[in-house]
Protein backbone atom coordinates (compact mmCIF):
# COMPACT_ATOMS: atom_id res chain seq x y z
CA MET A 1 6.43 -23.03 -16.54
CA ASN A 2 3.78 -24.40 -14.19
CA ILE A 3 2.65 -21.31 -12.29
CA ILE A 4 1.61 -23.44 -9.31
CA ASN A 5 5.30 -24.18 -8.69
CA LEU A 6 6.41 -20.59 -9.17
CA LYS A 7 7.50 -18.76 -6.03
CA ILE A 8 7.90 -15.02 -5.62
CA GLU A 9 11.48 -14.64 -4.41
CA SER A 10 11.02 -11.64 -2.15
CA ILE A 11 8.49 -9.08 -0.96
CA ASN A 12 10.07 -6.55 -3.32
CA ASP A 13 9.35 -8.88 -6.25
CA LEU A 14 5.64 -8.85 -5.42
CA ALA A 15 5.42 -5.65 -7.49
CA ASN A 16 6.05 -7.75 -10.62
CA TYR A 17 2.70 -9.47 -10.13
CA ALA A 18 0.46 -6.91 -8.42
CA ARG A 19 0.10 -3.28 -7.43
CA THR A 20 0.01 -2.90 -3.63
CA ASN A 21 -0.03 -0.12 -1.05
CA LEU A 22 2.89 -1.75 0.76
CA SER A 23 5.08 1.36 0.55
CA SER A 24 2.42 3.34 2.46
CA LEU A 25 1.63 0.63 5.00
CA ARG A 26 2.88 1.51 8.48
CA LYS A 27 0.91 -1.02 10.56
CA PRO A 28 0.75 -4.81 10.78
CA ILE A 29 -1.48 -6.29 8.07
CA ARG A 30 -5.07 -6.61 9.31
CA SER A 31 -6.68 -7.76 6.07
CA ILE A 32 -6.12 -8.15 2.33
CA VAL A 33 -8.32 -6.03 0.06
CA LEU A 34 -8.22 -7.22 -3.55
CA GLN A 35 -9.22 -4.78 -6.27
CA PHE A 36 -10.04 -6.23 -9.69
CA GLN A 37 -9.78 -3.73 -12.51
CA GLY A 38 -12.06 -2.80 -15.38
CA LEU A 39 -11.79 -3.85 -19.01
CA ASN A 40 -8.55 -3.03 -20.88
CA ARG A 41 -6.54 -2.17 -17.75
CA TYR A 42 -3.08 -3.52 -18.39
CA MET A 43 -0.71 -0.89 -16.95
CA TYR A 44 2.19 -1.59 -14.58
CA LEU A 45 1.33 0.72 -11.69
CA THR A 46 4.01 2.49 -9.66
CA GLN A 47 1.95 5.17 -7.91
CA PRO A 48 -1.24 5.06 -5.83
CA THR A 49 -4.22 4.61 -8.12
CA CYS A 50 -6.83 6.12 -5.79
CA GLU A 51 -7.29 7.52 -2.30
CA THR A 52 -8.59 4.12 -1.19
CA GLU A 53 -5.03 2.76 -1.24
CA LEU A 54 -3.94 5.37 1.29
CA VAL A 55 -7.04 5.10 3.48
CA LEU A 56 -6.54 1.35 3.77
CA ALA A 57 -2.79 1.68 4.34
CA ASP A 58 -3.47 3.96 7.27
CA HIS A 59 -5.80 1.31 8.70
CA GLY A 60 -3.37 -1.58 8.18
CA ASP A 61 -5.12 -3.20 5.21
CA LEU A 62 -2.97 -4.53 2.37
CA PHE A 63 -4.48 -3.27 -0.91
CA VAL A 64 -3.71 -5.55 -3.86
CA ILE A 65 -4.47 -5.12 -7.57
CA PRO A 66 -3.67 -8.47 -9.22
CA TYR A 67 -2.14 -8.05 -12.68
CA THR A 68 -4.64 -10.31 -14.44
CA ALA A 69 -5.22 -10.11 -18.19
CA PRO A 70 -7.15 -7.02 -19.37
CA TRP A 71 -9.93 -9.11 -20.97
CA ASN A 72 -10.19 -11.80 -18.29
CA TRP A 73 -13.79 -11.54 -16.97
CA MET A 74 -12.55 -13.61 -13.98
CA ASN A 75 -12.05 -16.66 -16.18
CA GLU A 76 -10.12 -19.73 -15.07
CA SER A 77 -6.76 -18.08 -15.74
CA ALA A 78 -7.60 -14.99 -13.66
CA LEU A 79 -9.00 -17.16 -10.87
CA ARG A 80 -5.90 -19.37 -10.69
CA TYR A 81 -3.59 -16.35 -10.91
CA THR A 82 -5.33 -14.57 -8.04
CA ASP A 83 -5.44 -17.70 -5.86
CA TRP A 84 -1.73 -18.26 -6.51
CA LEU A 85 -0.99 -14.61 -5.73
CA LEU A 86 -2.85 -14.86 -2.41
CA ASP A 87 -0.95 -18.06 -1.56
CA GLU A 88 2.30 -16.21 -2.15
CA ILE A 89 1.25 -13.16 -0.12
CA PHE A 90 0.29 -15.34 2.84
CA ARG A 91 3.66 -17.12 2.56
CA LEU A 92 5.81 -14.01 2.08
CA PHE A 93 4.29 -12.15 5.03
CA ASP A 94 3.68 -15.26 7.16
CA LEU A 95 0.06 -14.24 7.61
CA PRO A 96 -2.50 -16.20 9.65
CA LYS A 97 -4.74 -18.40 7.52
CA ASP A 98 -7.89 -16.75 8.89
CA LEU A 99 -6.83 -13.23 7.86
CA PRO A 100 -9.84 -11.45 6.28
CA ILE A 101 -9.90 -11.20 2.48
CA VAL A 102 -12.16 -8.62 0.82
CA SER A 103 -12.98 -8.95 -2.87
CA THR A 104 -13.58 -5.63 -4.65
CA GLY A 105 -13.64 -4.19 -8.15
CA TYR A 106 -15.31 -1.90 -10.66
CA SER A 107 -17.05 -2.60 -13.98
CA MET A 108 -15.56 -5.87 -15.31
CA GLY A 109 -13.67 -5.92 -12.03
CA GLY A 110 -16.99 -5.60 -10.21
CA LEU A 111 -18.09 -8.79 -11.91
CA ALA A 112 -14.78 -10.33 -10.89
CA ALA A 113 -15.28 -9.22 -7.29
CA LEU A 114 -18.65 -10.99 -7.20
CA ILE A 115 -17.49 -14.15 -8.99
CA PHE A 116 -14.16 -14.64 -7.19
CA PRO A 117 -15.70 -15.63 -3.81
CA ILE A 118 -17.72 -18.36 -5.55
CA TYR A 119 -14.79 -20.21 -7.10
CA SER A 120 -11.73 -19.19 -5.08
CA SER A 121 -9.83 -21.69 -2.97
CA HIS A 122 -9.61 -18.95 -0.33
CA LYS A 123 -12.43 -17.98 2.02
CA VAL A 124 -13.52 -14.44 1.16
CA THR A 125 -14.83 -12.34 4.04
CA ALA A 126 -16.75 -9.60 2.20
CA CYS A 127 -17.35 -8.19 -1.27
CA MET A 128 -17.64 -4.67 -2.70
CA ALA A 129 -18.63 -4.04 -6.33
CA ASN A 130 -18.77 -0.65 -8.07
CA SER A 131 -20.84 -0.45 -11.28
CA PRO A 132 -20.52 -4.20 -11.79
CA VAL A 133 -21.40 -6.13 -14.92
CA CYS A 134 -24.00 -8.54 -13.54
CA ASP A 135 -25.60 -10.16 -16.59
CA LEU A 136 -22.64 -11.25 -18.69
CA VAL A 137 -24.89 -13.23 -21.04
CA SER A 138 -26.75 -10.15 -22.33
CA HIS A 139 -23.70 -7.89 -21.90
CA PHE A 140 -22.02 -9.79 -24.75
CA HIS A 141 -24.03 -7.72 -27.26
CA GLU A 142 -24.48 -4.46 -25.33
CA ARG A 143 -21.45 -2.68 -26.80
CA ILE A 144 -19.38 -3.21 -29.94
CA ASP A 145 -16.15 -3.52 -27.93
CA LEU A 146 -17.38 -6.46 -25.81
CA PRO A 147 -17.87 -9.60 -27.97
CA ARG A 148 -14.18 -10.08 -28.78
CA THR A 149 -13.18 -9.72 -25.13
CA ILE A 150 -15.75 -12.17 -23.75
CA LEU A 151 -15.03 -14.67 -26.54
CA ASN A 152 -11.30 -14.48 -25.74
CA ALA A 153 -12.01 -15.16 -22.07
CA PHE A 154 -14.19 -18.26 -22.54
CA ILE A 155 -13.43 -19.72 -25.97
CA THR A 156 -11.54 -22.66 -24.43
CA TYR A 157 -14.10 -23.38 -21.71
CA PRO A 158 -14.51 -27.20 -21.65
CA ASP A 159 -18.33 -27.13 -21.54
CA GLY A 160 -18.64 -24.60 -24.35
CA LEU A 161 -18.72 -20.83 -24.75
CA GLU A 162 -22.28 -20.33 -23.50
CA ALA A 163 -21.69 -22.38 -20.36
CA GLY A 164 -18.45 -20.51 -19.69
CA ILE A 165 -20.16 -17.14 -19.94
CA GLU A 166 -23.14 -18.13 -17.80
CA SER A 167 -20.93 -19.64 -15.10
CA HIS A 168 -19.18 -16.27 -14.75
CA SER A 169 -22.30 -14.10 -14.82
CA PRO A 170 -23.22 -12.98 -11.29
CA LEU A 171 -26.93 -12.78 -12.08
CA HIS A 172 -26.85 -16.43 -13.16
CA GLN A 173 -24.81 -17.54 -10.15
CA VAL A 174 -26.72 -15.96 -7.25
CA ASP A 175 -27.54 -19.38 -5.80
CA LYS A 176 -23.81 -20.09 -5.50
CA MET A 177 -22.82 -16.79 -3.88
CA PRO A 178 -21.44 -17.29 -0.36
CA ASP A 179 -23.36 -15.79 2.55
CA ILE A 180 -21.04 -12.86 3.23
CA PRO A 181 -21.67 -9.09 3.44
CA TYR A 182 -21.95 -7.37 0.06
CA TRP A 183 -21.74 -3.62 -0.68
CA ILE A 184 -22.71 -2.52 -4.19
CA VAL A 185 -22.97 0.90 -5.80
CA ALA A 186 -24.25 1.82 -9.26
CA GLY A 187 -25.13 5.04 -11.04
CA GLY A 188 -28.24 6.14 -12.86
CA ALA A 189 -26.12 8.13 -15.34
CA ASP A 190 -23.95 5.12 -16.25
CA GLU A 191 -24.19 4.53 -20.01
CA GLU A 192 -21.58 1.76 -20.17
CA VAL A 193 -23.12 -0.74 -17.75
CA ILE A 194 -26.80 0.13 -17.53
CA LYS A 195 -27.90 -0.15 -13.92
CA ALA A 196 -31.43 -1.32 -14.74
CA ARG A 197 -30.04 -4.25 -16.74
CA HIS A 198 -27.37 -5.19 -14.23
CA SER A 199 -27.15 -4.05 -10.60
CA ASP A 200 -30.89 -3.51 -10.07
CA ARG A 201 -31.68 -7.05 -11.24
CA LEU A 202 -28.84 -8.57 -9.25
CA ILE A 203 -29.87 -6.82 -6.05
CA GLU A 204 -33.43 -8.08 -6.45
CA ALA A 205 -32.18 -11.66 -6.87
CA MET A 206 -29.74 -11.39 -3.95
CA LYS A 207 -32.41 -10.02 -1.63
CA ALA A 208 -34.83 -12.74 -2.73
CA ARG A 209 -32.23 -15.28 -1.61
CA GLY A 210 -31.72 -13.47 1.69
CA LEU A 211 -28.13 -12.39 1.12
CA ARG A 212 -26.79 -9.47 3.15
CA VAL A 213 -26.37 -6.65 0.67
CA THR A 214 -26.13 -2.87 0.98
CA TYR A 215 -27.03 -1.13 -2.28
CA HIS A 216 -26.42 2.50 -3.21
CA ASP A 217 -28.34 3.67 -6.26
CA VAL A 218 -26.79 7.07 -7.07
CA GLU A 219 -28.98 8.89 -9.55
CA ASP A 220 -26.38 11.16 -11.20
CA MET A 221 -23.33 8.89 -10.91
CA GLN A 222 -21.58 7.87 -14.12
CA HIS A 223 -19.60 4.68 -14.71
CA TRP A 224 -17.74 3.74 -11.47
CA GLN A 225 -17.07 7.41 -10.56
CA ILE A 226 -18.53 7.77 -7.06
CA ASN A 227 -19.57 11.40 -6.77
CA ARG A 228 -21.03 11.49 -3.27
CA TYR A 229 -18.70 11.78 -0.30
CA ASP A 230 -21.08 10.03 2.09
CA VAL A 231 -21.17 7.00 -0.21
CA LEU A 232 -17.39 7.01 -0.65
CA LYS A 233 -16.90 7.30 3.12
CA GLU A 234 -19.27 4.42 3.75
CA MET A 235 -17.44 2.31 1.16
CA HIS A 236 -14.15 2.88 2.96
CA ALA A 237 -15.78 1.97 6.28
CA PHE A 238 -17.07 -1.24 4.73
CA LEU A 239 -13.64 -2.15 3.35
CA LYS A 240 -12.06 -1.54 6.75
CA GLY A 241 -14.61 -3.81 8.38
CA GLU A 242 -16.21 -1.08 10.46
CA PHE A 243 -19.67 -2.35 9.57
CA ARG A 244 -20.52 -5.68 8.02
């Protein structure tokens, strides 16, 4: 079936394609906050995954976790799926075309959050990335569990594997990043995505280009587990559009 022609029949059926905070939402939708998940996340989610869902619901922001493949690295399939999902959300809720869209994620999903605004057919308003993979080229060999996942994501790329990986590596695509507000957090105790090899280098490149980026370097934070309330509170404020 051509997914472009597929329509979600009802708002209730949206749950087949994404986790949302719709059941907690009590206000008109003010924005869509996408959250891209980390590697190997494949579960069908029926309960809130984090307090962020509830904070955003209270503010009127529709929180959406697209059910993309668990090894996607925001490849062409994940990009097309998410664009299609957004098209359907705008249609189902009859939302204005200029409704803000915020791209967020953690780990592999942090990479996705940074890459999605570059290639999406939708205009993304802001981006938040937690412990993001930023240099996908070198990340290929950083852990034994990674090569098979990255190869699966880009093996069919028309210009070759190397080109596919580089085109989805935030550090290699800084020149293509849209001029929107970015909020990034990474931890000094993260042993899965080493900050010095990823976020620190990306931030340097983004600032050199003059992009608007807020960076929190949390010394004792492990992989994507924000352990400072002031940082978490500021992240929520950013997602709600209270400062950008």
